[in-house]
Amino acid sequence: MAKRIVIPGELVTEERKKLGSHVFVREGKIYSDSIGVVNDESDFASVVPLEGKYLPQVGDVIIGVISAEKFSVYMVDINSFYPSVISKRDLREILKPGSVVSAKIMKVNELNEVDLANPRVFFGGEIIQISPVKVPRAIGREGSMLNILKEGTKSNLIVGRNGRIWAKGGDIELLKKSIKKIEDEAHLSNLTNKMQDFLKVNPAKNEQEGEN
């Protein structure tokens, strides 16, 4: 039997059950406080959080990967449980599975289906993963961390709110180490200054042409 995925605030069960992890009661019903998989097969109701997946929000700019082509749209993997599409009329290029794009989330309907717009196609480069909840730390206040990463690694970067960073040129290995450091230390204060010091001690090397 397929597992049911819920988002924060979604109903888990109306049955009276003992509370497990990541659930709460409101007016006698049990709801989820996380995005995750429902486990309500016993006397307990709980949700097993699914780390690292993105909950789409209107207005976010994301990095997507084309997963399939259908009639008038491309299906796009946006690191979420929910399907998303880009209309072919919004693109000049003909895309194929594996093509990388950035796009803006324009609509999330009641079924959590996502409509994307303003697509931009990337050629070359690679995608670096980061937990979506830690993306704000990779951008920094008014883009401060992002600027340090660009200058310190000499890479072209686009950060998606869905936990994907497109990067091209510069010292990609140093960039990967920097992103991991941000992810590991996101809870610490003065992270921007620490990253500045880290990149001074570890200057970029093997710079390549990285213009998109």
N, C-alpha and C. Protein backbone atom coordinates (compact mmCIF):
# COMPACT_ATOMS: atom_id res chain seq x y z
N MET A 1 0.84 -1.19 0.00
CA MET A 1 0.00 0.00 0.00
C MET A 1 0.88 1.25 0.00
N ALA A 2 0.54 2.22 -0.87
CA ALA A 2 1.36 3.42 -0.99
C ALA A 2 1.27 4.25 0.29
N LYS A 3 2.41 4.82 0.65
CA LYS A 3 2.45 5.68 1.83
C LYS A 3 1.89 7.05 1.47
N ARG A 4 1.18 7.65 2.42
CA ARG A 4 0.58 8.96 2.18
C ARG A 4 1.52 10.05 2.69
N ILE A 5 1.75 11.04 1.84
CA ILE A 5 2.62 12.16 2.21
C ILE A 5 1.76 13.35 2.62
N VAL A 6 2.12 13.97 3.73
CA VAL A 6 1.39 15.14 4.22
C VAL A 6 2.34 16.33 4.36
N ILE A 7 1.75 17.52 4.40
CA ILE A 7 2.51 18.75 4.61
C ILE A 7 2.11 19.33 5.96
N PRO A 8 2.86 20.30 6.48
CA PRO A 8 2.50 20.88 7.77
C PRO A 8 1.06 21.41 7.79
N GLY A 9 0.31 21.02 8.83
CA GLY A 9 -1.08 21.46 8.96
C GLY A 9 -2.09 20.56 8.29
N GLU A 10 -1.63 19.53 7.60
CA GLU A 10 -2.56 18.63 6.90
C GLU A 10 -3.08 17.55 7.85
N LEU A 11 -4.34 17.16 7.64
CA LEU A 11 -4.97 16.14 8.47
C LEU A 11 -4.28 14.79 8.32
N VAL A 12 -3.93 14.17 9.45
CA VAL A 12 -3.35 12.83 9.45
C VAL A 12 -4.47 11.79 9.63
N THR A 13 -5.30 11.99 10.64
CA THR A 13 -6.42 11.07 10.87
C THR A 13 -7.47 11.74 11.77
N GLU A 14 -8.71 11.31 11.60
CA GLU A 14 -9.79 11.77 12.48
C GLU A 14 -10.05 10.75 13.59
N GLU A 15 -9.36 9.61 13.52
CA GLU A 15 -9.53 8.58 14.55
C GLU A 15 -8.83 9.00 15.84
N ARG A 16 -9.33 8.47 16.96
CA ARG A 16 -8.67 8.75 18.25
C ARG A 16 -7.48 7.81 18.39
N LYS A 17 -6.31 8.38 18.41
CA LYS A 17 -5.09 7.57 18.53
C LYS A 17 -4.11 8.28 19.44
N LYS A 18 -3.16 7.51 19.96
CA LYS A 18 -2.08 8.12 20.74
C LYS A 18 -1.18 8.91 19.78
N LEU A 19 -0.60 9.97 20.34
CA LEU A 19 0.22 10.84 19.50
C LEU A 19 1.66 10.34 19.44
N GLY A 20 2.14 10.14 18.23
CA GLY A 20 3.54 9.84 18.01
C GLY A 20 4.29 11.13 17.71
N SER A 21 5.34 11.03 16.93
CA SER A 21 6.16 12.21 16.63
C SER A 21 5.60 13.02 15.46
N HIS A 22 5.84 14.32 15.52
CA HIS A 22 5.53 15.27 14.45
C HIS A 22 4.04 15.35 14.12
N VAL A 23 3.20 15.22 15.16
CA VAL A 23 1.76 15.43 14.99
C VAL A 23 1.24 16.26 16.16
N PHE A 24 0.06 16.85 15.97
CA PHE A 24 -0.58 17.59 17.05
C PHE A 24 -2.10 17.45 16.91
N VAL A 25 -2.81 17.75 17.99
CA VAL A 25 -4.27 17.63 18.00
C VAL A 25 -4.91 19.01 17.92
N ARG A 26 -5.94 19.10 17.09
CA ARG A 26 -6.76 20.31 17.05
C ARG A 26 -8.21 19.88 16.88
N GLU A 27 -9.06 20.27 17.84
CA GLU A 27 -10.48 19.93 17.81
C GLU A 27 -10.71 18.43 17.61
N GLY A 28 -9.90 17.64 18.30
CA GLY A 28 -10.09 16.20 18.29
C GLY A 28 -9.51 15.47 17.09
N LYS A 29 -8.93 16.21 16.16
CA LYS A 29 -8.33 15.60 14.97
C LYS A 29 -6.81 15.72 15.03
N ILE A 30 -6.12 14.81 14.39
CA ILE A 30 -4.66 14.79 14.44
C ILE A 30 -4.08 15.32 13.13
N TYR A 31 -3.17 16.28 13.27
CA TYR A 31 -2.57 16.94 12.10
C TYR A 31 -1.04 16.79 12.14
N SER A 32 -0.44 16.98 10.98
CA SER A 32 1.03 16.90 10.87
C SER A 32 1.66 18.26 11.12
N ASP A 33 2.86 18.27 11.74
CA ASP A 33 3.61 19.52 11.86
C ASP A 33 4.82 19.54 10.91
N SER A 34 4.91 18.52 10.05
CA SER A 34 6.08 18.41 9.16
C SER A 34 5.63 17.91 7.79
N ILE A 35 6.53 18.02 6.83
CA ILE A 35 6.32 17.33 5.57
C ILE A 35 6.90 15.94 5.74
N GLY A 36 6.09 14.93 5.49
CA GLY A 36 6.59 13.58 5.73
C GLY A 36 5.59 12.51 5.37
N VAL A 37 5.90 11.29 5.77
CA VAL A 37 5.08 10.12 5.46
C VAL A 37 4.25 9.75 6.69
N VAL A 38 2.95 9.51 6.49
CA VAL A 38 2.03 9.15 7.58
C VAL A 38 2.27 7.71 8.02
N ASN A 39 2.30 7.52 9.33
CA ASN A 39 2.33 6.18 9.91
C ASN A 39 1.21 6.12 10.94
N ASP A 40 0.06 5.56 10.54
CA ASP A 40 -1.08 5.50 11.47
C ASP A 40 -1.71 4.10 11.48
N GLU A 41 -0.86 3.10 11.28
CA GLU A 41 -1.37 1.73 11.17
C GLU A 41 -1.57 1.06 12.53
N SER A 42 -1.06 1.67 13.61
CA SER A 42 -1.19 1.05 14.93
C SER A 42 -2.07 1.93 15.82
N ASP A 43 -1.87 1.84 17.14
CA ASP A 43 -2.61 2.71 18.07
C ASP A 43 -2.08 4.14 18.05
N PHE A 44 -0.90 4.31 17.42
CA PHE A 44 -0.27 5.63 17.37
C PHE A 44 -0.44 6.25 15.98
N ALA A 45 -0.50 7.56 15.96
CA ALA A 45 -0.42 8.30 14.69
C ALA A 45 0.84 9.14 14.72
N SER A 46 1.65 9.02 13.70
CA SER A 46 2.88 9.80 13.66
C SER A 46 3.22 10.12 12.20
N VAL A 47 4.16 11.03 12.05
CA VAL A 47 4.66 11.40 10.72
C VAL A 47 6.17 11.26 10.73
N VAL A 48 6.69 10.58 9.73
CA VAL A 48 8.15 10.45 9.59
C VAL A 48 8.61 11.54 8.64
N PRO A 49 9.35 12.54 9.15
CA PRO A 49 9.74 13.66 8.30
C PRO A 49 10.61 13.21 7.13
N LEU A 50 10.39 13.85 6.00
CA LEU A 50 11.21 13.58 4.82
C LEU A 50 12.14 14.77 4.64
N GLU A 51 13.36 14.59 5.06
CA GLU A 51 14.33 15.69 5.04
C GLU A 51 14.73 16.01 3.60
N GLY A 52 15.02 17.26 3.39
CA GLY A 52 15.66 17.65 2.14
C GLY A 52 14.72 17.89 0.97
N LYS A 53 13.42 17.71 1.15
CA LYS A 53 12.50 18.00 0.07
C LYS A 53 11.94 19.41 0.22
N TYR A 54 11.56 19.99 -0.91
CA TYR A 54 11.17 21.39 -0.97
C TYR A 54 9.65 21.51 -0.98
N LEU A 55 9.14 22.43 -0.17
CA LEU A 55 7.71 22.74 -0.15
C LEU A 55 7.49 24.00 -0.99
N PRO A 56 6.87 23.88 -2.17
CA PRO A 56 6.78 25.02 -3.09
C PRO A 56 6.04 26.22 -2.52
N GLN A 57 6.58 27.41 -2.79
CA GLN A 57 5.97 28.66 -2.35
C GLN A 57 5.90 29.61 -3.56
N VAL A 58 4.75 30.23 -3.76
CA VAL A 58 4.59 31.17 -4.87
C VAL A 58 5.61 32.29 -4.75
N GLY A 59 6.26 32.62 -5.87
CA GLY A 59 7.25 33.69 -5.89
C GLY A 59 8.67 33.20 -5.79
N ASP A 60 8.88 31.95 -5.35
CA ASP A 60 10.23 31.42 -5.24
C ASP A 60 10.84 31.19 -6.62
N VAL A 61 12.13 31.45 -6.74
CA VAL A 61 12.89 31.07 -7.93
C VAL A 61 13.57 29.74 -7.62
N ILE A 62 13.37 28.77 -8.50
CA ILE A 62 13.89 27.43 -8.26
C ILE A 62 14.80 27.00 -9.42
N ILE A 63 15.61 25.97 -9.16
CA ILE A 63 16.39 25.32 -10.20
C ILE A 63 15.73 23.97 -10.46
N GLY A 64 15.29 23.74 -11.70
CA GLY A 64 14.60 22.51 -12.04
C GLY A 64 15.33 21.72 -13.10
N VAL A 65 15.00 20.44 -13.16
CA VAL A 65 15.55 19.55 -14.19
C VAL A 65 14.38 18.96 -14.97
N ILE A 66 14.40 19.10 -16.28
CA ILE A 66 13.33 18.56 -17.11
C ILE A 66 13.31 17.04 -16.96
N SER A 67 12.13 16.50 -16.62
CA SER A 67 12.03 15.06 -16.39
C SER A 67 11.27 14.35 -17.50
N ALA A 68 10.38 15.06 -18.19
CA ALA A 68 9.60 14.44 -19.26
C ALA A 68 8.93 15.53 -20.10
N GLU A 69 8.46 15.10 -21.27
CA GLU A 69 7.76 16.03 -22.18
C GLU A 69 6.36 15.51 -22.42
N LYS A 70 5.37 16.40 -22.32
CA LYS A 70 3.99 16.03 -22.61
C LYS A 70 3.37 17.13 -23.47
N PHE A 71 2.57 16.74 -24.40
CA PHE A 71 1.82 17.64 -25.26
C PHE A 71 2.34 19.08 -25.27
N SER A 72 1.76 19.93 -24.39
CA SER A 72 2.10 21.35 -24.44
C SER A 72 3.01 21.80 -23.30
N VAL A 73 3.46 20.84 -22.48
CA VAL A 73 4.27 21.22 -21.32
C VAL A 73 5.48 20.30 -21.16
N TYR A 74 6.44 20.79 -20.37
CA TYR A 74 7.53 19.96 -19.87
C TYR A 74 7.28 19.69 -18.38
N MET A 75 7.46 18.45 -17.98
CA MET A 75 7.42 18.11 -16.56
C MET A 75 8.79 18.45 -15.97
N VAL A 76 8.79 19.07 -14.78
CA VAL A 76 10.03 19.55 -14.18
C VAL A 76 10.20 18.98 -12.77
N ASP A 77 11.37 18.38 -12.53
CA ASP A 77 11.72 17.93 -11.18
C ASP A 77 12.27 19.13 -10.41
N ILE A 78 11.57 19.53 -9.35
CA ILE A 78 12.01 20.70 -8.57
C ILE A 78 12.40 20.30 -7.14
N ASN A 79 12.79 19.03 -6.96
CA ASN A 79 13.21 18.55 -5.64
C ASN A 79 12.05 18.61 -4.65
N SER A 80 10.85 18.29 -5.14
CA SER A 80 9.66 18.31 -4.31
C SER A 80 8.87 17.03 -4.54
N PHE A 81 7.89 16.76 -3.68
CA PHE A 81 7.02 15.62 -3.90
C PHE A 81 5.92 15.95 -4.90
N TYR A 82 5.80 17.20 -5.25
CA TYR A 82 4.65 17.63 -6.03
C TYR A 82 5.03 17.87 -7.49
N PRO A 83 4.14 17.56 -8.44
CA PRO A 83 4.46 17.73 -9.86
C PRO A 83 4.50 19.21 -10.25
N SER A 84 5.39 19.53 -11.18
CA SER A 84 5.45 20.91 -11.68
C SER A 84 5.65 20.89 -13.18
N VAL A 85 5.17 21.95 -13.83
CA VAL A 85 5.23 22.02 -15.29
C VAL A 85 5.63 23.41 -15.75
N ILE A 86 6.26 23.42 -16.95
CA ILE A 86 6.53 24.66 -17.67
C ILE A 86 5.85 24.54 -19.02
N SER A 87 5.11 25.58 -19.40
CA SER A 87 4.46 25.59 -20.71
C SER A 87 5.52 25.73 -21.81
N LYS A 88 5.37 24.96 -22.87
CA LYS A 88 6.33 25.04 -23.98
C LYS A 88 6.33 26.42 -24.63
N ARG A 89 5.20 27.11 -24.57
CA ARG A 89 5.15 28.42 -25.22
C ARG A 89 6.02 29.46 -24.48
N ASP A 90 6.42 29.13 -23.23
CA ASP A 90 7.28 30.05 -22.49
C ASP A 90 8.76 29.87 -22.83
N LEU A 91 9.05 28.91 -23.69
CA LEU A 91 10.45 28.59 -24.01
C LEU A 91 10.72 28.70 -25.50
N ARG A 92 11.85 29.28 -25.83
CA ARG A 92 12.26 29.29 -27.24
C ARG A 92 12.95 27.98 -27.61
N GLU A 93 13.68 27.42 -26.66
CA GLU A 93 14.46 26.21 -26.91
C GLU A 93 13.59 24.96 -26.83
N ILE A 94 14.00 23.93 -27.56
CA ILE A 94 13.41 22.61 -27.39
C ILE A 94 14.25 21.87 -26.36
N LEU A 95 13.62 21.42 -25.30
CA LEU A 95 14.36 20.80 -24.20
C LEU A 95 14.20 19.29 -24.21
N LYS A 96 15.08 18.63 -23.50
CA LYS A 96 15.00 17.18 -23.37
C LYS A 96 15.22 16.82 -21.90
N PRO A 97 14.84 15.62 -21.48
CA PRO A 97 15.08 15.22 -20.11
C PRO A 97 16.54 15.41 -19.70
N GLY A 98 16.73 16.03 -18.53
CA GLY A 98 18.08 16.33 -18.07
C GLY A 98 18.47 17.78 -18.25
N SER A 99 17.72 18.52 -19.08
CA SER A 99 18.00 19.95 -19.25
C SER A 99 17.76 20.68 -17.93
N VAL A 100 18.60 21.66 -17.65
CA VAL A 100 18.51 22.41 -16.38
C VAL A 100 17.94 23.80 -16.66
N VAL A 101 16.97 24.21 -15.85
CA VAL A 101 16.35 25.52 -16.00
C VAL A 101 16.19 26.18 -14.64
N SER A 102 16.14 27.50 -14.66
CA SER A 102 15.63 28.21 -13.49
C SER A 102 14.25 28.73 -13.86
N ALA A 103 13.37 28.87 -12.89
CA ALA A 103 12.02 29.35 -13.15
C ALA A 103 11.43 29.90 -11.86
N LYS A 104 10.35 30.65 -12.02
CA LYS A 104 9.66 31.23 -10.87
C LYS A 104 8.35 30.48 -10.65
N ILE A 105 8.03 30.19 -9.39
CA ILE A 105 6.76 29.54 -9.07
C ILE A 105 5.65 30.58 -9.11
N MET A 106 4.72 30.38 -10.05
CA MET A 106 3.63 31.34 -10.25
C MET A 106 2.34 30.92 -9.55
N LYS A 107 2.16 29.59 -9.40
CA LYS A 107 0.89 29.12 -8.85
C LYS A 107 1.11 27.75 -8.21
N VAL A 108 0.48 27.55 -7.05
CA VAL A 108 0.42 26.23 -6.42
C VAL A 108 -1.06 25.98 -6.13
N ASN A 109 -1.66 25.00 -6.82
CA ASN A 109 -3.10 24.81 -6.65
C ASN A 109 -3.43 23.93 -5.44
N GLU A 110 -4.71 23.66 -5.26
CA GLU A 110 -5.15 22.93 -4.06
C GLU A 110 -4.64 21.48 -4.05
N LEU A 111 -4.22 20.98 -5.19
CA LEU A 111 -3.63 19.64 -5.27
C LEU A 111 -2.11 19.68 -5.17
N ASN A 112 -1.59 20.88 -4.87
CA ASN A 112 -0.15 21.10 -4.76
C ASN A 112 0.58 20.90 -6.09
N GLU A 113 -0.13 21.06 -7.20
CA GLU A 113 0.51 21.07 -8.51
C GLU A 113 1.08 22.47 -8.74
N VAL A 114 2.28 22.51 -9.32
CA VAL A 114 3.03 23.76 -9.40
C VAL A 114 3.15 24.24 -10.85
N ASP A 115 2.77 25.50 -11.09
CA ASP A 115 2.98 26.12 -12.41
C ASP A 115 4.20 27.01 -12.34
N LEU A 116 5.10 26.84 -13.32
CA LEU A 116 6.33 27.61 -13.38
C LEU A 116 6.29 28.59 -14.54
N ALA A 117 6.99 29.71 -14.40
CA ALA A 117 7.06 30.72 -15.46
C ALA A 117 8.44 31.36 -15.46
N ASN A 118 8.66 32.24 -16.43
CA ASN A 118 9.95 32.95 -16.59
C ASN A 118 11.14 31.99 -16.63
N PRO A 119 11.05 30.93 -17.45
CA PRO A 119 12.15 29.96 -17.45
C PRO A 119 13.41 30.52 -18.12
N ARG A 120 14.53 30.07 -17.61
CA ARG A 120 15.83 30.38 -18.20
C ARG A 120 16.59 29.06 -18.30
N VAL A 121 17.09 28.76 -19.49
CA VAL A 121 17.77 27.49 -19.71
C VAL A 121 19.27 27.66 -19.47
N PHE A 122 19.87 26.70 -18.74
CA PHE A 122 21.30 26.72 -18.47
C PHE A 122 22.01 25.69 -19.36
N PHE A 123 23.18 26.05 -19.82
CA PHE A 123 23.99 25.14 -20.62
C PHE A 123 25.30 24.88 -19.89
N GLY A 124 25.63 23.60 -19.71
CA GLY A 124 26.85 23.27 -18.98
C GLY A 124 26.65 23.49 -17.49
N GLY A 125 27.76 23.54 -16.78
CA GLY A 125 27.70 23.72 -15.33
C GLY A 125 27.22 22.46 -14.65
N GLU A 126 27.00 22.56 -13.34
CA GLU A 126 26.48 21.43 -12.58
C GLU A 126 25.61 21.92 -11.43
N ILE A 127 24.88 20.98 -10.85
CA ILE A 127 23.99 21.31 -9.74
C ILE A 127 24.59 20.79 -8.44
N ILE A 128 24.62 21.67 -7.43
CA ILE A 128 25.07 21.31 -6.08
C ILE A 128 23.85 21.35 -5.17
N GLN A 129 23.68 20.32 -4.38
CA GLN A 129 22.52 20.23 -3.49
C GLN A 129 22.80 20.86 -2.12
N ILE A 130 21.77 21.47 -1.56
CA ILE A 130 21.82 21.97 -0.19
C ILE A 130 20.41 21.80 0.38
N SER A 131 20.30 21.56 1.67
CA SER A 131 18.97 21.42 2.27
C SER A 131 18.16 22.70 2.03
N PRO A 132 16.93 22.58 1.52
CA PRO A 132 16.13 23.78 1.22
C PRO A 132 15.99 24.74 2.41
N VAL A 133 15.93 24.21 3.64
CA VAL A 133 15.77 25.09 4.80
C VAL A 133 17.03 25.91 5.07
N LYS A 134 18.15 25.52 4.46
CA LYS A 134 19.40 26.24 4.69
C LYS A 134 19.78 27.16 3.53
N VAL A 135 18.91 27.22 2.52
CA VAL A 135 19.16 28.11 1.39
C VAL A 135 19.33 29.58 1.82
N PRO A 136 18.49 30.10 2.75
CA PRO A 136 18.68 31.50 3.15
C PRO A 136 20.09 31.78 3.67
N ARG A 137 20.72 30.79 4.32
CA ARG A 137 22.09 30.97 4.82
C ARG A 137 23.09 31.03 3.67
N ALA A 138 22.80 30.32 2.58
CA ALA A 138 23.69 30.33 1.41
C ALA A 138 23.57 31.63 0.62
N ILE A 139 22.45 32.34 0.83
CA ILE A 139 22.26 33.63 0.16
C ILE A 139 22.76 34.77 1.06
N GLY A 140 22.43 34.69 2.35
CA GLY A 140 22.86 35.72 3.29
C GLY A 140 21.99 36.96 3.23
N ARG A 141 22.18 37.82 4.20
CA ARG A 141 21.41 39.06 4.25
C ARG A 141 21.79 39.95 3.07
N GLU A 142 20.79 40.33 2.28
CA GLU A 142 20.99 41.16 1.09
C GLU A 142 22.04 40.55 0.16
N GLY A 143 22.09 39.22 0.11
CA GLY A 143 23.00 38.54 -0.82
C GLY A 143 24.45 38.51 -0.39
N SER A 144 24.72 38.79 0.89
CA SER A 144 26.11 38.90 1.35
C SER A 144 26.88 37.58 1.21
N MET A 145 26.28 36.47 1.62
CA MET A 145 26.97 35.18 1.53
C MET A 145 27.17 34.77 0.07
N LEU A 146 26.16 35.01 -0.74
CA LEU A 146 26.24 34.66 -2.15
C LEU A 146 27.40 35.41 -2.83
N ASN A 147 27.54 36.68 -2.51
CA ASN A 147 28.63 37.47 -3.08
C ASN A 147 29.99 36.94 -2.66
N ILE A 148 30.11 36.54 -1.39
CA ILE A 148 31.37 35.98 -0.89
C ILE A 148 31.70 34.68 -1.63
N LEU A 149 30.68 33.85 -1.84
CA LEU A 149 30.89 32.59 -2.56
C LEU A 149 31.33 32.84 -4.00
N LYS A 150 30.68 33.79 -4.66
CA LYS A 150 31.04 34.10 -6.05
C LYS A 150 32.47 34.61 -6.15
N GLU A 151 32.80 35.56 -5.27
CA GLU A 151 34.15 36.15 -5.31
C GLU A 151 35.21 35.15 -4.89
N GLY A 152 34.91 34.36 -3.86
CA GLY A 152 35.90 33.44 -3.32
C GLY A 152 36.18 32.24 -4.18
N THR A 153 35.18 31.80 -4.95
CA THR A 153 35.36 30.61 -5.79
C THR A 153 35.49 30.94 -7.27
N LYS A 154 35.21 32.20 -7.65
CA LYS A 154 35.25 32.65 -9.05
C LYS A 154 34.24 31.89 -9.92
N SER A 155 33.19 31.39 -9.30
CA SER A 155 32.17 30.63 -10.03
C SER A 155 30.94 31.50 -10.29
N ASN A 156 30.25 31.21 -11.39
CA ASN A 156 28.92 31.78 -11.63
C ASN A 156 27.92 30.93 -10.88
N LEU A 157 27.03 31.57 -10.11
CA LEU A 157 26.09 30.82 -9.28
C LEU A 157 24.67 31.35 -9.43
N ILE A 158 23.72 30.42 -9.44
CA ILE A 158 22.32 30.76 -9.27
C ILE A 158 21.79 29.85 -8.16
N VAL A 159 21.25 30.45 -7.10
CA VAL A 159 20.75 29.66 -5.97
C VAL A 159 19.24 29.54 -6.07
N GLY A 160 18.74 28.30 -6.11
CA GLY A 160 17.31 28.06 -6.13
C GLY A 160 16.80 27.84 -4.71
N ARG A 161 15.59 28.33 -4.45
CA ARG A 161 15.00 28.14 -3.12
C ARG A 161 14.68 26.67 -2.82
N ASN A 162 14.74 25.85 -3.85
CA ASN A 162 14.40 24.43 -3.68
C ASN A 162 15.61 23.57 -3.32
N GLY A 163 16.71 24.19 -2.89
CA GLY A 163 17.85 23.42 -2.43
C GLY A 163 18.80 22.99 -3.53
N ARG A 164 18.79 23.72 -4.63
CA ARG A 164 19.72 23.44 -5.72
C ARG A 164 20.45 24.70 -6.09
N ILE A 165 21.76 24.55 -6.30
CA ILE A 165 22.60 25.66 -6.73
C ILE A 165 23.23 25.28 -8.06
N TRP A 166 22.96 26.08 -9.09
CA TRP A 166 23.61 25.85 -10.39
C TRP A 166 24.92 26.63 -10.39
N ALA A 167 25.99 25.95 -10.78
CA ALA A 167 27.32 26.57 -10.75
C ALA A 167 28.08 26.24 -12.03
N LYS A 168 28.86 27.21 -12.50
CA LYS A 168 29.67 27.00 -13.70
C LYS A 168 30.94 27.83 -13.59
N GLY A 169 32.04 27.21 -13.95
CA GLY A 169 33.32 27.92 -13.95
C GLY A 169 33.91 28.05 -12.56
N GLY A 170 35.11 28.59 -12.50
CA GLY A 170 35.78 28.79 -11.22
C GLY A 170 36.20 27.48 -10.58
N ASP A 171 36.37 27.51 -9.28
CA ASP A 171 36.84 26.35 -8.51
C ASP A 171 35.61 25.64 -7.92
N ILE A 172 35.06 24.70 -8.69
CA ILE A 172 33.82 24.02 -8.29
C ILE A 172 34.03 23.18 -7.03
N GLU A 173 35.19 22.54 -6.92
CA GLU A 173 35.44 21.71 -5.73
C GLU A 173 35.47 22.56 -4.47
N LEU A 174 36.09 23.73 -4.55
CA LEU A 174 36.10 24.65 -3.41
C LEU A 174 34.68 25.11 -3.09
N LEU A 175 33.89 25.35 -4.13
CA LEU A 175 32.50 25.76 -3.94
C LEU A 175 31.72 24.67 -3.20
N LYS A 176 31.91 23.41 -3.60
CA LYS A 176 31.21 22.30 -2.94
C LYS A 176 31.59 22.23 -1.45
N LYS A 177 32.88 22.42 -1.16
CA LYS A 177 33.32 22.41 0.24
C LYS A 177 32.69 23.56 1.02
N SER A 178 32.60 24.72 0.35
CA SER A 178 32.02 25.90 0.99
C SER A 178 30.53 25.69 1.29
N ILE A 179 29.81 25.10 0.33
CA ILE A 179 28.38 24.84 0.53
C ILE A 179 28.18 23.86 1.67
N LYS A 180 29.01 22.82 1.72
CA LYS A 180 28.90 21.83 2.81
C LYS A 180 29.17 22.49 4.16
N LYS A 181 30.14 23.40 4.19
CA LYS A 181 30.46 24.12 5.44
C LYS A 181 29.26 24.96 5.88
N ILE A 182 28.62 25.62 4.93
CA ILE A 182 27.43 26.42 5.25
C ILE A 182 26.33 25.52 5.79
N GLU A 183 26.14 24.37 5.15
CA GLU A 183 25.08 23.45 5.58
C GLU A 183 25.37 22.91 6.98
N ASP A 184 26.63 22.56 7.24
CA ASP A 184 26.99 21.99 8.55
C ASP A 184 26.94 23.02 9.67
N GLU A 185 27.20 24.29 9.33
CA GLU A 185 27.34 25.33 10.36
C GLU A 185 26.23 26.38 10.29
N ALA A 186 25.13 26.04 9.63
CA ALA A 186 24.04 27.02 9.42
C ALA A 186 23.48 27.55 10.73
N HIS A 187 23.61 26.78 11.80
CA HIS A 187 23.05 27.18 13.10
C HIS A 187 23.97 28.13 13.86
N LEU A 188 25.19 28.34 13.37
CA LEU A 188 26.16 29.17 14.09
C LEU A 188 26.04 30.64 13.69
N SER A 189 26.44 31.51 14.62
CA SER A 189 26.44 32.95 14.30
C SER A 189 27.73 33.33 13.57
N ASN A 190 27.74 34.52 12.99
CA ASN A 190 28.90 35.04 12.26
C ASN A 190 29.36 34.11 11.14
N LEU A 191 28.42 33.39 10.54
CA LEU A 191 28.79 32.43 9.49
C LEU A 191 29.38 33.12 8.26
N THR A 192 28.87 34.30 7.94
CA THR A 192 29.38 35.03 6.77
C THR A 192 30.86 35.36 6.96
N ASN A 193 31.22 35.85 8.14
CA ASN A 193 32.63 36.17 8.41
C ASN A 193 33.49 34.92 8.40
N LYS A 194 32.96 33.82 8.94
CA LYS A 194 33.72 32.56 8.95
C LYS A 194 33.97 32.06 7.53
N MET A 195 32.96 32.22 6.67
CA MET A 195 33.13 31.78 5.29
C MET A 195 34.13 32.68 4.55
N GLN A 196 34.12 33.96 4.86
CA GLN A 196 35.09 34.88 4.27
C GLN A 196 36.51 34.45 4.64
N ASP A 197 36.71 34.13 5.92
CA ASP A 197 38.03 33.67 6.39
C ASP A 197 38.42 32.35 5.74
N PHE A 198 37.45 31.44 5.63
CA PHE A 198 37.70 30.12 5.03
C PHE A 198 38.19 30.27 3.59
N LEU A 199 37.58 31.18 2.84
CA LEU A 199 37.94 31.35 1.43
C LEU A 199 39.24 32.14 1.26
N LYS A 200 39.60 32.92 2.27
CA LYS A 200 40.92 33.58 2.23
C LYS A 200 42.03 32.56 2.42
N VAL A 201 41.80 31.62 3.33
CA VAL A 201 42.79 30.57 3.62
C VAL A 201 42.85 29.55 2.49
N ASN A 202 41.73 29.39 1.77
CA ASN A 202 41.64 28.41 0.68
C ASN A 202 41.28 29.13 -0.62
N PRO A 203 42.26 29.83 -1.23
CA PRO A 203 41.94 30.61 -2.44
C PRO A 203 41.55 29.71 -3.62
N ALA A 204 40.74 30.26 -4.51
CA ALA A 204 40.27 29.50 -5.68
C ALA A 204 41.44 29.16 -6.58
N LYS A 205 41.38 27.98 -7.19
CA LYS A 205 42.39 27.58 -8.17
C LYS A 205 41.69 26.93 -9.36
N ASN A 206 42.44 26.63 -10.38
CA ASN A 206 41.91 26.00 -11.60
C ASN A 206 40.74 26.77 -12.16
N GLU A 207 40.86 28.08 -12.20
CA GLU A 207 39.75 28.87 -12.72
C GLU A 207 39.55 28.56 -14.19
N GLN A 208 38.26 28.39 -14.56
CA GLN A 208 37.91 28.08 -15.95
C GLN A 208 37.01 29.18 -16.47
N GLU A 209 36.83 29.18 -17.79
CA GLU A 209 35.84 30.09 -18.36
C GLU A 209 34.47 29.64 -17.93
N GLY A 210 33.70 30.52 -17.32
CA GLY A 210 32.42 30.08 -16.78
C GLY A 210 31.25 30.95 -17.17
N GLU A 211 31.34 31.63 -18.28
CA GLU A 211 30.22 32.48 -18.66
C GLU A 211 29.09 31.65 -19.23
N ASN A 212 27.91 31.97 -18.82
CA ASN A 212 26.74 31.26 -19.35
C ASN A 212 26.32 31.90 -20.67
